[in-house]
C-alpha atoms as a PDB file:
ATOM      1  CA  MET A   1     -43.558 -41.984  60.245  1.00  0.00           C
ATOM      2  CA  THR A   2     -46.418 -43.708  58.420  1.00  0.00           C
ATOM      3  CA  ASN A   3     -46.284 -44.797  54.793  1.00  0.00           C
ATOM      4  CA  LEU A   4     -46.678 -41.499  52.935  1.00  0.00           C
ATOM      5  CA  PRO A   5     -46.994 -41.004  49.162  1.00  0.00           C
ATOM      6  CA  SER A   6     -43.957 -40.099  47.096  1.00  0.00           C
ATOM      7  CA  GLN A   7     -43.782 -38.627  43.601  1.00  0.00           C
ATOM      8  CA  ASP A   8     -43.088 -42.131  42.279  1.00  0.00           C
ATOM      9  CA  ASP A   9     -46.241 -43.421  43.993  1.00  0.00           C
ATOM     10  CA  ILE A  10     -48.250 -40.657  42.353  1.00  0.00           C
ATOM     11  CA  LYS A  11     -46.702 -41.353  38.950  1.00  0.00           C
ATOM     12  CA  HIS A  12     -47.723 -45.007  39.322  1.00  0.00           C
ATOM     13  CA  ALA A  13     -51.250 -43.967  40.265  1.00  0.00           C
ATOM     14  CA  HIS A  14     -51.477 -41.688  37.251  1.00  0.00           C
ATOM     15  CA  GLY A  15     -50.371 -44.467  34.936  1.00  0.00           C
ATOM     16  CA  LEU A  16     -53.192 -46.686  36.173  1.00  0.00           C
ATOM     17  CA  ILE A  17     -56.021 -44.163  36.133  1.00  0.00           C
ATOM     18  CA  LYS A  18     -55.211 -41.855  33.213  1.00  0.00           C
ATOM     19  CA  SER A  19     -57.431 -43.755  30.769  1.00  0.00           C
ATOM     20  CA  HIS A  20     -60.346 -43.503  33.215  1.00  0.00           C
ATOM     21  CA  ILE A  21     -60.212 -39.799  34.093  1.00  0.00           C
ATOM     22  CA  ARG A  22     -60.477 -36.500  32.274  1.00  0.00           C
ATOM     23  CA  LYS A  23     -57.548 -34.155  31.835  1.00  0.00           C
ATOM     24  CA  THR A  24     -59.355 -31.061  33.027  1.00  0.00           C
ATOM     25  CA  PRO A  25     -58.491 -27.648  31.543  1.00  0.00           C
ATOM     26  CA  ILE A  26     -56.866 -24.586  33.053  1.00  0.00           C
ATOM     27  CA  PHE A  27     -58.792 -21.345  32.542  1.00  0.00           C
ATOM     28  CA  SER A  28     -56.896 -18.087  33.040  1.00  0.00           C
ATOM     29  CA  ILE A  29     -58.737 -14.992  34.235  1.00  0.00           C
ATOM     30  CA  ASP A  30     -57.625 -11.374  34.559  1.00  0.00           C
ATOM     31  CA  GLY A  31     -55.858 -10.874  37.873  1.00  0.00           C
ATOM     32  CA  ALA A  32     -56.493  -7.113  37.945  1.00  0.00           C
ATOM     33  CA  ALA A  33     -59.799  -7.638  39.772  1.00  0.00           C
ATOM     34  CA  PHE A  34     -57.779  -9.039  42.671  1.00  0.00           C
ATOM     35  CA  GLY A  35     -55.009  -6.456  42.584  1.00  0.00           C
ATOM     36  CA  LEU A  36     -52.634  -8.743  40.693  1.00  0.00           C
ATOM     37  CA  ASP A  37     -50.516  -7.828  37.701  1.00  0.00           C
ATOM     38  CA  GLN A  38     -50.825 -11.163  35.916  1.00  0.00           C
ATOM     39  CA  PRO A  39     -53.588 -13.700  35.170  1.00  0.00           C
ATOM     40  CA  VAL A  40     -54.893 -16.170  37.746  1.00  0.00           C
ATOM     41  CA  ASP A  41     -55.041 -19.814  36.643  1.00  0.00           C
ATOM     42  CA  LEU A  42     -58.201 -21.702  37.560  1.00  0.00           C
ATOM     43  CA  LYS A  43     -57.883 -25.497  37.386  1.00  0.00           C
ATOM     44  CA  LEU A  44     -61.366 -26.647  36.368  1.00  0.00           C
ATOM     45  CA  GLU A  45     -61.356 -29.931  38.224  1.00  0.00           C
ATOM     46  CA  MET A  46     -65.082 -29.622  38.815  1.00  0.00           C
ATOM     47  CA  LEU A  47     -65.342 -30.891  35.202  1.00  0.00           C
ATOM     48  CA  GLN A  48     -63.888 -34.236  36.296  1.00  0.00           C
ATOM     49  CA  HIS A  49     -66.042 -37.381  36.085  1.00  0.00           C
ATOM     50  CA  SER A  50     -68.699 -37.371  38.845  1.00  0.00           C
ATOM     51  CA  GLY A  51     -68.247 -33.610  39.273  1.00  0.00           C
ATOM     52  CA  SER A  52     -65.146 -33.482  41.459  1.00  0.00           C
ATOM     53  CA  PHE A  53     -61.495 -34.502  41.843  1.00  0.00           C
ATOM     54  CA  LYS A  54     -62.647 -37.461  43.936  1.00  0.00           C
ATOM     55  CA  ALA A  55     -62.842 -39.705  40.856  1.00  0.00           C
ATOM     56  CA  ARG A  56     -59.039 -39.859  40.837  1.00  0.00           C
ATOM     57  CA  GLY A  57     -58.766 -41.463  44.245  1.00  0.00           C
ATOM     58  CA  ALA A  58     -61.754 -43.725  43.666  1.00  0.00           C
ATOM     59  CA  PHE A  59     -60.332 -45.202  40.462  1.00  0.00           C
ATOM     60  CA  TYR A  60     -56.878 -45.717  41.948  1.00  0.00           C
ATOM     61  CA  ASN A  61     -58.339 -47.522  44.954  1.00  0.00           C
ATOM     62  CA  LEU A  62     -60.414 -49.883  42.838  1.00  0.00           C
ATOM     63  CA  LEU A  63     -57.670 -50.532  40.290  1.00  0.00           C
ATOM     64  CA  SER A  64     -55.095 -51.257  43.001  1.00  0.00           C
ATOM     65  CA  ARG A  65     -57.044 -53.532  45.336  1.00  0.00           C
ATOM     66  CA  ASP A  66     -58.900 -56.829  45.150  1.00  0.00           C
ATOM     67  CA  VAL A  67     -62.630 -56.122  45.213  1.00  0.00           C
ATOM     68  CA  PRO A  68     -64.760 -58.986  46.622  1.00  0.00           C
ATOM     69  CA  ALA A  69     -68.145 -60.066  45.305  1.00  0.00           C
ATOM     70  CA  SER A  70     -69.718 -58.040  48.108  1.00  0.00           C
ATOM     71  CA  GLY A  71     -68.334 -54.969  46.393  1.00  0.00           C
ATOM     72  CA  VAL A  72     -67.283 -51.643  47.815  1.00  0.00           C
ATOM     73  CA  ALA A  73     -68.720 -49.354  50.476  1.00  0.00           C
ATOM     74  CA  ALA A  74     -67.991 -45.716  51.178  1.00  0.00           C
ATOM     75  CA  ALA A  75     -69.117 -42.954  53.492  1.00  0.00           C
ATOM     76  CA  SER A  76     -69.319 -39.507  52.003  1.00  0.00           C
ATOM     77  CA  GLY A  77     -70.736 -36.041  52.215  1.00  0.00           C
ATOM     78  CA  GLY A  78     -71.635 -36.657  48.573  1.00  0.00           C
ATOM     79  CA  ASN A  79     -68.717 -36.106  46.208  1.00  0.00           C
ATOM     80  CA  HIS A  80     -66.645 -39.092  47.326  1.00  0.00           C
ATOM     81  CA  GLY A  81     -69.758 -41.263  47.130  1.00  0.00           C
ATOM     82  CA  ALA A  82     -70.528 -40.070  43.614  1.00  0.00           C
ATOM     83  CA  ALA A  83     -66.942 -40.792  42.576  1.00  0.00           C
ATOM     84  CA  VAL A  84     -66.899 -44.276  44.103  1.00  0.00           C
ATOM     85  CA  ALA A  85     -70.272 -45.054  42.530  1.00  0.00           C
ATOM     86  CA  HIS A  86     -69.013 -43.890  39.127  1.00  0.00           C
ATOM     87  CA  ALA A  87     -65.732 -45.796  39.327  1.00  0.00           C
ATOM     88  CA  ALA A  88     -67.400 -48.960  40.634  1.00  0.00           C
ATOM     89  CA  HIS A  89     -69.958 -48.868  37.821  1.00  0.00           C
ATOM     90  CA  LYS A  90     -67.286 -48.387  35.150  1.00  0.00           C
ATOM     91  CA  LEU A  91     -65.185 -51.236  36.565  1.00  0.00           C
ATOM     92  CA  GLY A  92     -68.100 -53.643  37.098  1.00  0.00           C
ATOM     93  CA  HIS A  93     -68.384 -53.608  40.906  1.00  0.00           C
ATOM     94  CA  THR A  94     -71.379 -53.143  43.174  1.00  0.00           C
ATOM     95  CA  ALA A  95     -71.301 -50.151  45.526  1.00  0.00           C
ATOM     96  CA  LYS A  96     -73.176 -49.069  48.638  1.00  0.00           C
ATOM     97  CA  ILE A  97     -72.778 -45.436  49.646  1.00  0.00           C
ATOM     98  CA  PHE A  98     -73.622 -43.965  53.059  1.00  0.00           C
ATOM     99  CA  VAL A  99     -74.323 -40.224  53.174  1.00  0.00           C
ATOM    100  CA  PRO A 100     -75.527 -37.920  55.978  1.00  0.00           C
ATOM    101  CA  GLU A 101     -78.787 -36.047  55.870  1.00  0.00           C
ATOM    102  CA  ILE A 102     -77.001 -32.764  55.046  1.00  0.00           C
ATOM    103  CA  SER A 103     -75.915 -34.100  51.637  1.00  0.00           C
ATOM    104  CA  SER A 104     -77.341 -32.122  48.745  1.00  0.00           C
ATOM    105  CA  PRO A 105     -80.053 -33.689  46.572  1.00  0.00           C
ATOM    106  CA  ALA A 106     -77.818 -33.129  43.523  1.00  0.00           C
ATOM    107  CA  LYS A 107     -75.120 -35.348  44.994  1.00  0.00           C
ATOM    108  CA  ILE A 108     -77.528 -38.066  46.091  1.00  0.00           C
ATOM    109  CA  LYS A 109     -79.078 -38.147  42.628  1.00  0.00           C
ATOM    110  CA  LYS A 110     -75.627 -38.421  41.054  1.00  0.00           C
ATOM    111  CA  ILE A 111     -74.792 -41.436  43.239  1.00  0.00           C
ATOM    112  CA  GLN A 112     -78.078 -43.117  42.364  1.00  0.00           C
ATOM    113  CA  HIS A 113     -77.634 -42.353  38.667  1.00  0.00           C
ATOM    114  CA  ALA A 114     -74.356 -44.279  38.739  1.00  0.00           C
ATOM    115  CA  GLY A 115     -76.222 -47.351  39.951  1.00  0.00           C
ATOM    116  CA  ALA A 116     -75.087 -47.472  43.570  1.00  0.00           C
ATOM    117  CA  GLU A 117     -77.311 -48.144  46.562  1.00  0.00           C
ATOM    118  CA  VAL A 118     -77.576 -45.049  48.751  1.00  0.00           C
ATOM    119  CA  VAL A 119     -78.240 -44.975  52.494  1.00  0.00           C
ATOM    120  CA  VAL A 120     -79.122 -41.480  53.760  1.00  0.00           C
ATOM    121  CA  GLN A 121     -78.816 -41.523  57.531  1.00  0.00           C
ATOM    122  CA  GLY A 122     -77.154 -39.523  60.303  1.00  0.00           C
ATOM    123  CA  GLU A 123     -76.632 -35.820  60.843  1.00  0.00           C
ATOM    124  CA  ARG A 124     -72.974 -35.572  59.783  1.00  0.00           C
ATOM    125  CA  TYR A 125     -70.279 -37.369  57.811  1.00  0.00           C
ATOM    126  CA  ALA A 126     -68.988 -39.054  60.991  1.00  0.00           C
ATOM    127  CA  ASP A 127     -72.401 -40.712  61.451  1.00  0.00           C
ATOM    128  CA  ALA A 128     -72.404 -42.018  57.892  1.00  0.00           C
ATOM    129  CA  LEU A 129     -68.860 -43.315  58.365  1.00  0.00           C
ATOM    130  CA  ALA A 130     -69.866 -45.324  61.452  1.00  0.00           C
ATOM    131  CA  LEU A 131     -72.727 -46.942  59.538  1.00  0.00           C
ATOM    132  CA  CYS A 132     -70.440 -47.672  56.595  1.00  0.00           C
ATOM    133  CA  GLU A 133     -67.831 -49.331  58.790  1.00  0.00           C
ATOM    134  CA  SER A 134     -70.514 -51.523  60.385  1.00  0.00           C
ATOM    135  CA  HIS A 135     -71.710 -52.578  56.922  1.00  0.00           C
ATOM    136  CA  GLN A 136     -68.166 -53.421  55.831  1.00  0.00           C
ATOM    137  CA  SER A 137     -67.652 -55.577  58.907  1.00  0.00           C
ATOM    138  CA  ASN A 138     -70.904 -57.469  58.352  1.00  0.00           C
ATOM    139  CA  SER A 139     -70.736 -57.851  54.560  1.00  0.00           C
ATOM    140  CA  GLY A 140     -67.051 -58.152  53.703  1.00  0.00           C
ATOM    141  CA  ALA A 141     -67.254 -55.179  51.328  1.00  0.00           C
ATOM    142  CA  ILE A 142     -64.031 -53.193  51.063  1.00  0.00           C
ATOM    143  CA  GLY A 143     -64.016 -49.605  52.215  1.00  0.00           C
ATOM    144  CA  LEU A 144     -62.684 -46.570  50.406  1.00  0.00           C
ATOM    145  CA  HIS A 145     -61.854 -43.796  52.831  1.00  0.00           C
ATOM    146  CA  ALA A 146     -62.787 -40.373  51.532  1.00  0.00           C
ATOM    147  CA  TYR A 147     -59.459 -38.736  52.358  1.00  0.00           C
ATOM    148  CA  ASP A 148     -57.164 -40.586  54.792  1.00  0.00           C
ATOM    149  CA  GLY A 149     -56.125 -43.619  52.755  1.00  0.00           C
ATOM    150  CA  PHE A 150     -52.754 -44.041  51.031  1.00  0.00           C
ATOM    151  CA  HIS A 151     -54.365 -44.928  47.686  1.00  0.00           C
ATOM    152  CA  THR A 152     -56.828 -42.058  48.001  1.00  0.00           C
ATOM    153  CA  ILE A 153     -54.087 -39.484  48.577  1.00  0.00           C
ATOM    154  CA  CYS A 154     -51.989 -40.896  45.720  1.00  0.00           C
ATOM    155  CA  GLY A 155     -54.980 -40.715  43.396  1.00  0.00           C
ATOM    156  CA  GLN A 156     -55.756 -37.123  44.333  1.00  0.00           C
ATOM    157  CA  GLY A 157     -52.068 -36.309  43.926  1.00  0.00           C
ATOM    158  CA  THR A 158     -52.322 -37.113  40.219  1.00  0.00           C
ATOM    159  CA  LEU A 159     -53.953 -33.699  39.891  1.00  0.00           C
ATOM    160  CA  GLY A 160     -50.547 -32.228  40.744  1.00  0.00           C
ATOM    161  CA  LYS A 161     -48.790 -34.286  38.103  1.00  0.00           C
ATOM    162  CA  GLU A 162     -51.377 -33.221  35.549  1.00  0.00           C
ATOM    163  CA  LEU A 163     -51.022 -29.566  36.496  1.00  0.00           C
ATOM    164  CA  GLU A 164     -47.251 -29.712  36.102  1.00  0.00           C
ATOM    165  CA  GLU A 165     -47.623 -31.289  32.664  1.00  0.00           C
ATOM    166  CA  GLN A 166     -49.911 -28.407  31.674  1.00  0.00           C
ATOM    167  CA  TRP A 167     -47.699 -25.674  33.142  1.00  0.00           C
ATOM    168  CA  GLY A 168     -44.373 -27.102  32.015  1.00  0.00           C
ATOM    169  CA  ASP A 169     -41.540 -25.000  33.411  1.00  0.00           C
ATOM    170  CA  ASP A 170     -43.858 -22.081  34.179  1.00  0.00           C
ATOM    171  CA  LEU A 171     -45.076 -23.164  37.627  1.00  0.00           C
ATOM    172  CA  PRO A 172     -47.115 -20.673  39.661  1.00  0.00           C
ATOM    173  CA  ASP A 173     -45.767 -19.260  42.903  1.00  0.00           C
ATOM    174  CA  SER A 174     -48.793 -20.383  44.894  1.00  0.00           C
ATOM    175  CA  LEU A 175     -51.605 -22.917  44.599  1.00  0.00           C
ATOM    176  CA  ILE A 176     -54.777 -22.244  46.618  1.00  0.00           C
ATOM    177  CA  VAL A 177     -56.737 -25.362  47.614  1.00  0.00           C
ATOM    178  CA  ALA A 178     -59.933 -25.944  49.601  1.00  0.00           C
ATOM    179  CA  VAL A 179     -59.657 -28.431  52.459  1.00  0.00           C
ATOM    180  CA  GLY A 180     -62.139 -30.829  53.993  1.00  0.00           C
ATOM    181  CA  GLY A 181     -60.450 -33.986  55.252  1.00  0.00           C
ATOM    182  CA  GLY A 182     -57.173 -33.181  53.534  1.00  0.00           C
ATOM    183  CA  GLY A 183     -56.906 -35.807  50.791  1.00  0.00           C
ATOM    184  CA  LEU A 184     -56.582 -33.416  47.856  1.00  0.00           C
ATOM    185  CA  ILE A 185     -54.235 -30.894  49.423  1.00  0.00           C
ATOM    186  CA  SER A 186     -51.971 -33.581  50.888  1.00  0.00           C
ATOM    187  CA  GLY A 187     -51.800 -35.277  47.486  1.00  0.00           C
ATOM    188  CA  LEU A 188     -50.878 -31.976  45.840  1.00  0.00           C
ATOM    189  CA  ALA A 189     -48.321 -31.240  48.563  1.00  0.00           C
ATOM    190  CA  SER A 190     -46.843 -34.721  48.097  1.00  0.00           C
ATOM    191  CA  TRP A 191     -46.333 -33.959  44.411  1.00  0.00           C
ATOM    192  CA  PHE A 192     -45.071 -30.375  44.567  1.00  0.00           C
ATOM    193  CA  GLY A 193     -43.270 -30.496  47.899  1.00  0.00           C
ATOM    194  CA  GLN A 194     -42.026 -27.006  48.636  1.00  0.00           C
ATOM    195  CA  ARG A 195     -41.451 -26.029  45.000  1.00  0.00           C
ATOM    196  CA  ILE A 196     -44.577 -23.858  45.171  1.00  0.00           C
ATOM    197  CA  LYS A 197     -46.523 -22.403  48.077  1.00  0.00           C
ATOM    198  CA  ILE A 198     -49.537 -24.532  49.006  1.00  0.00           C
ATOM    199  CA  ILE A 199     -52.287 -22.418  50.588  1.00  0.00           C
ATOM    200  CA  ALA A 200     -55.050 -24.229  52.500  1.00  0.00           C
ATOM    201  CA  VAL A 201     -58.518 -22.668  52.680  1.00  0.00           C
ATOM    202  CA  GLU A 202     -61.339 -23.825  54.944  1.00  0.00           C
ATOM    203  CA  PRO A 203     -64.755 -22.473  55.926  1.00  0.00           C
ATOM    204  CA  GLU A 204     -64.813 -20.813  59.342  1.00  0.00           C
ATOM    205  CA  GLN A 205     -67.434 -23.317  60.488  1.00  0.00           C
ATOM    206  CA  SER A 206     -65.607 -26.440  59.233  1.00  0.00           C
ATOM    207  CA  CYS A 207     -61.881 -26.010  59.771  1.00  0.00           C
ATOM    208  CA  ALA A 208     -60.342 -29.288  60.937  1.00  0.00           C
ATOM    209  CA  LEU A 209     -56.905 -28.522  59.477  1.00  0.00           C
ATOM    210  CA  HIS A 210     -56.737 -25.021  60.943  1.00  0.00           C
ATOM    211  CA  GLN A 211     -57.613 -26.371  64.375  1.00  0.00           C
ATOM    212  CA  ALA A 212     -55.096 -29.210  64.048  1.00  0.00           C
ATOM    213  CA  ILE A 213     -52.343 -26.722  63.230  1.00  0.00           C
ATOM    214  CA  ASP A 214     -53.324 -24.668  66.282  1.00  0.00           C
ATOM    215  CA  LYS A 215     -53.258 -27.745  68.542  1.00  0.00           C
ATOM    216  CA  ASP A 216     -50.302 -29.384  66.751  1.00  0.00           C
ATOM    217  CA  GLU A 217     -52.317 -32.576  66.250  1.00  0.00           C
ATOM    218  CA  PRO A 218     -55.590 -33.649  64.631  1.00  0.00           C
ATOM    219  CA  VAL A 219     -58.577 -32.879  66.861  1.00  0.00           C
ATOM    220  CA  ASP A 220     -62.335 -33.226  66.556  1.00  0.00           C
ATOM    221  CA  VAL A 221     -64.082 -30.016  65.494  1.00  0.00           C
ATOM    222  CA  GLU A 222     -67.632 -28.784  65.138  1.00  0.00           C
ATOM    223  CA  VAL A 223     -68.890 -28.920  61.549  1.00  0.00           C
ATOM    224  CA  GLY A 224     -71.386 -26.596  59.895  1.00  0.00           C
ATOM    225  CA  GLY A 225     -71.922 -23.905  57.291  1.00  0.00           C
ATOM    226  CA  VAL A 226     -72.706 -23.738  53.599  1.00  0.00           C
ATOM    227  CA  ALA A 227     -69.910 -26.098  52.514  1.00  0.00           C
ATOM    228  CA  ALA A 228     -70.343 -28.761  55.188  1.00  0.00           C
ATOM    229  CA  ASP A 229     -71.582 -31.354  52.700  1.00  0.00           C
ATOM    230  CA  SER A 230     -68.205 -31.331  50.919  1.00  0.00           C
ATOM    231  CA  LEU A 231     -65.687 -29.816  53.354  1.00  0.00           C
ATOM    232  CA  GLY A 232     -67.259 -30.892  56.636  1.00  0.00           C
ATOM    233  CA  ALA A 233     -64.720 -33.384  57.991  1.00  0.00           C
ATOM    234  CA  LYS A 234     -64.874 -33.757  61.770  1.00  0.00           C
ATOM    235  CA  ARG A 235     -61.109 -34.351  61.940  1.00  0.00           C
ATOM    236  CA  ILE A 236     -58.254 -33.833  59.484  1.00  0.00           C
ATOM    237  CA  GLY A 237     -56.770 -37.056  58.136  1.00  0.00           C
ATOM    238  CA  THR A 238     -53.775 -38.387  60.066  1.00  0.00           C
ATOM    239  CA  LYS A 239     -51.717 -39.048  56.938  1.00  0.00           C
ATOM    240  CA  GLY A 240     -52.674 -35.726  55.409  1.00  0.00           C
ATOM    241  CA  PHE A 241     -51.731 -33.809  58.538  1.00  0.00           C
ATOM    242  CA  GLU A 242     -48.347 -35.508  58.675  1.00  0.00           C
ATOM    243  CA  ILE A 243     -47.684 -34.506  55.062  1.00  0.00           C
ATOM    244  CA  LEU A 244     -48.875 -30.936  55.515  1.00  0.00           C
ATOM    245  CA  GLN A 245     -46.868 -30.262  58.657  1.00  0.00           C
ATOM    246  CA  SER A 246     -43.725 -30.002  56.547  1.00  0.00           C
ATOM    247  CA  LYS A 247     -45.158 -28.931  53.173  1.00  0.00           C
ATOM    248  CA  LEU A 248     -47.985 -26.447  53.830  1.00  0.00           C
ATOM    249  CA  HIS A 249     -47.156 -22.759  53.458  1.00  0.00           C
ATOM    250  CA  GLU A 250     -50.260 -21.164  54.972  1.00  0.00           C
ATOM    251  CA  SER A 251     -53.708 -22.019  56.337  1.00  0.00           C
ATOM    252  CA  VAL A 252     -56.597 -19.526  56.179  1.00  0.00           C
ATOM    253  CA  VAL A 253     -60.337 -19.603  56.840  1.00  0.00           C
ATOM    254  CA  VAL A 254     -63.169 -17.823  55.030  1.00  0.00           C
ATOM    255  CA  SER A 255     -66.711 -16.895  56.000  1.00  0.00           C
ATOM    256  CA  ASP A 256     -69.846 -18.452  54.556  1.00  0.00           C
ATOM    257  CA  ASN A 257     -70.723 -15.100  52.990  1.00  0.00           C
ATOM    258  CA  ALA A 258     -67.352 -15.005  51.210  1.00  0.00           C
ATOM    259  CA  ILE A 259     -67.895 -18.537  49.915  1.00  0.00           C
ATOM    260  CA  LEU A 260     -71.367 -17.755  48.583  1.00  0.00           C
ATOM    261  CA  ARG A 261     -70.127 -14.550  46.949  1.00  0.00           C
ATOM    262  CA  ALA A 262     -67.277 -16.471  45.303  1.00  0.00           C
ATOM    263  CA  GLN A 263     -69.704 -19.096  44.042  1.00  0.00           C
ATOM    264  CA  ALA A 264     -71.931 -16.361  42.605  1.00  0.00           C
ATOM    265  CA  THR A 265     -68.990 -14.563  40.984  1.00  0.00           C
ATOM    266  CA  LEU A 266     -67.715 -17.725  39.320  1.00  0.00           C
ATOM    267  CA  TRP A 267     -71.170 -18.306  37.885  1.00  0.00           C
ATOM    268  CA  HIS A 268     -72.172 -14.776  36.855  1.00  0.00           C
ATOM    269  CA  ASP A 269     -68.785 -13.457  35.716  1.00  0.00           C
ATOM    270  CA  TYR A 270     -67.190 -16.592  34.250  1.00  0.00           C
ATOM    271  CA  HIS A 271     -70.113 -19.003  33.714  1.00  0.00           C
ATOM    272  CA  LEU A 272     -68.422 -21.622  35.906  1.00  0.00           C
ATOM    273  CA  VAL A 273     -70.663 -23.904  37.963  1.00  0.00           C
ATOM    274  CA  THR A 274     -69.240 -24.688  41.388  1.00  0.00           C
ATOM    275  CA  GLU A 275     -70.729 -25.937  44.616  1.00  0.00           C
ATOM    276  CA  ALA A 276     -69.936 -24.005  47.795  1.00  0.00           C
ATOM    277  CA  GLY A 277     -66.953 -26.226  48.613  1.00  0.00           C
ATOM    278  CA  GLY A 278     -65.709 -25.915  45.049  1.00  0.00           C
ATOM    279  CA  ALA A 279     -65.700 -22.118  45.334  1.00  0.00           C
ATOM    280  CA  THR A 280     -64.024 -21.954  48.753  1.00  0.00           C
ATOM    281  CA  ALA A 281     -60.448 -21.636  47.474  1.00  0.00           C
ATOM    282  CA  PHE A 282     -61.502 -18.822  45.136  1.00  0.00           C
ATOM    283  CA  ALA A 283     -63.172 -17.109  48.088  1.00  0.00           C
ATOM    284  CA  ALA A 284     -59.815 -16.735  49.835  1.00  0.00           C
ATOM    285  CA  LEU A 285     -58.428 -14.637  46.974  1.00  0.00           C
ATOM    286  CA  GLN A 286     -61.586 -12.669  46.228  1.00  0.00           C
ATOM    287  CA  SER A 287     -62.178 -11.745  49.880  1.00  0.00           C
ATOM    288  CA  GLY A 288     -58.553 -10.810  50.516  1.00  0.00           C
ATOM    289  CA  VAL A 289     -58.135 -13.430  53.247  1.00  0.00           C
ATOM    290  CA  TYR A 290     -55.195 -14.588  51.168  1.00  0.00           C
ATOM    291  CA  SER A 291     -53.366 -11.534  49.800  1.00  0.00           C
ATOM    292  CA  PRO A 292     -50.542 -12.489  47.421  1.00  0.00           C
ATOM    293  CA  PRO A 293     -47.366 -10.410  47.446  1.00  0.00           C
ATOM    294  CA  LYS A 294     -46.793  -8.160  44.432  1.00  0.00           C
ATOM    295  CA  GLY A 295     -45.721 -10.145  41.368  1.00  0.00           C
ATOM    296  CA  GLU A 296     -46.916 -13.508  42.682  1.00  0.00           C
ATOM    297  CA  LYS A 297     -48.402 -15.877  40.119  1.00  0.00           C
ATOM    298  CA  VAL A 298     -51.491 -17.525  41.631  1.00  0.00           C
ATOM    299  CA  ALA A 299     -53.375 -20.706  40.721  1.00  0.00           C
ATOM    300  CA  ILE A 300     -56.608 -21.957  42.271  1.00  0.00           C
ATOM    301  CA  VAL A 301     -58.240 -25.396  42.206  1.00  0.00           C
ATOM    302  CA  LEU A 302     -62.014 -25.339  41.621  1.00  0.00           C
ATOM    303  CA  CYS A 303     -62.714 -28.799  42.956  1.00  0.00           C
ATOM    304  CA  GLY A 304     -66.449 -29.547  42.743  1.00  0.00           C
ATOM    305  CA  SER A 305     -69.598 -28.712  40.777  1.00  0.00           C
ATOM    306  CA  ASN A 306     -72.382 -30.807  42.302  1.00  0.00           C
ATOM    307  CA  VAL A 307     -74.911 -28.106  43.100  1.00  0.00           C
ATOM    308  CA  GLU A 308     -78.569 -27.490  42.377  1.00  0.00           C
ATOM    309  CA  LEU A 309     -78.576 -25.028  39.481  1.00  0.00           C
ATOM    310  CA  GLU A 310     -81.567 -23.131  40.874  1.00  0.00           C
ATOM    311  CA  LYS A 311     -79.331 -22.022  43.755  1.00  0.00           C
ATOM    312  CA  LEU A 312     -76.981 -20.357  41.290  1.00  0.00           C
ATOM    313  CA  ALA A 313     -79.885 -18.751  39.466  1.00  0.00           C
ATOM    314  CA  GLN A 314     -80.909 -17.094  42.736  1.00  0.00           C
ATOM    315  CA  SER A 315     -77.452 -15.761  43.595  1.00  0.00           C
ATOM    316  CA  ASN A 316     -77.649 -12.284  41.992  1.00  0.00           C
ATOM    317  CA  ASP A 317     -78.163 -10.626  45.368  1.00  0.00           C
ATOM    318  CA  LEU A 318     -74.772 -11.855  46.563  1.00  0.00           C
ATOM    319  CA  LEU A 319     -72.803  -9.811  44.041  1.00  0.00           C
END
């Protein structure tokens, strides 16, 4: 067994980063629209610094490791890069971020706004990662893996600690989480264990975890669809998969149409701005792909908001 995060590791991470991150709110909505007899809790983590939960892992990495003069480098579909750029800027480090050509302009602009150098090259995240690793080798810059590093998973796991502080003794029965490379969901699973049901949601066209469960090991998958820039990992993280094998309750996939409809609903009905990946967990409940048993208390993580607002303005036809 590899070195996997414990609750104590996550508590330590939270102690280091809590002055650098936002405590994001929980917003409860009427569950009747989904056939539920009690409210659904939405964790608004898309309000986190840099527009996603990724700031947690970025800060914990940089606060826990020695950063050389050559700075830090990261490969990203966009959100991880924006988080690393933000954390590096706040802590006084230089950053170089490698993103694939599918990354959204909103995410690239956010990285640049934080003062990092951006290299846009390659079709997919895996291409950007190869370029980033070459740069690290040549420059001496340290790398921050988007999802499969111990410090990254611990940092993302602080979201679980924060949620439990907000809920107190009234934990939900299930927590629905979107999955790309697995850093967030494995951090949450490391915190909660089997005290609540962890439900993984992936797009049909980018489902590395679902395929790994089917094959009983991480495998390379094809990546595509509307959420590929945030959830388009070619392979689930090794550490994350090891954690989830014993702690995940259920894995489901949703269509691109369901994701876009969820994104539109969150905007038009609740005035919540989410990118496609940030709306993917909500799509599982709205579409009925995940159907909670009667009486189940459900919570959903809305994990990212880096989207061009004109796309939301044009989403009326999806409702």
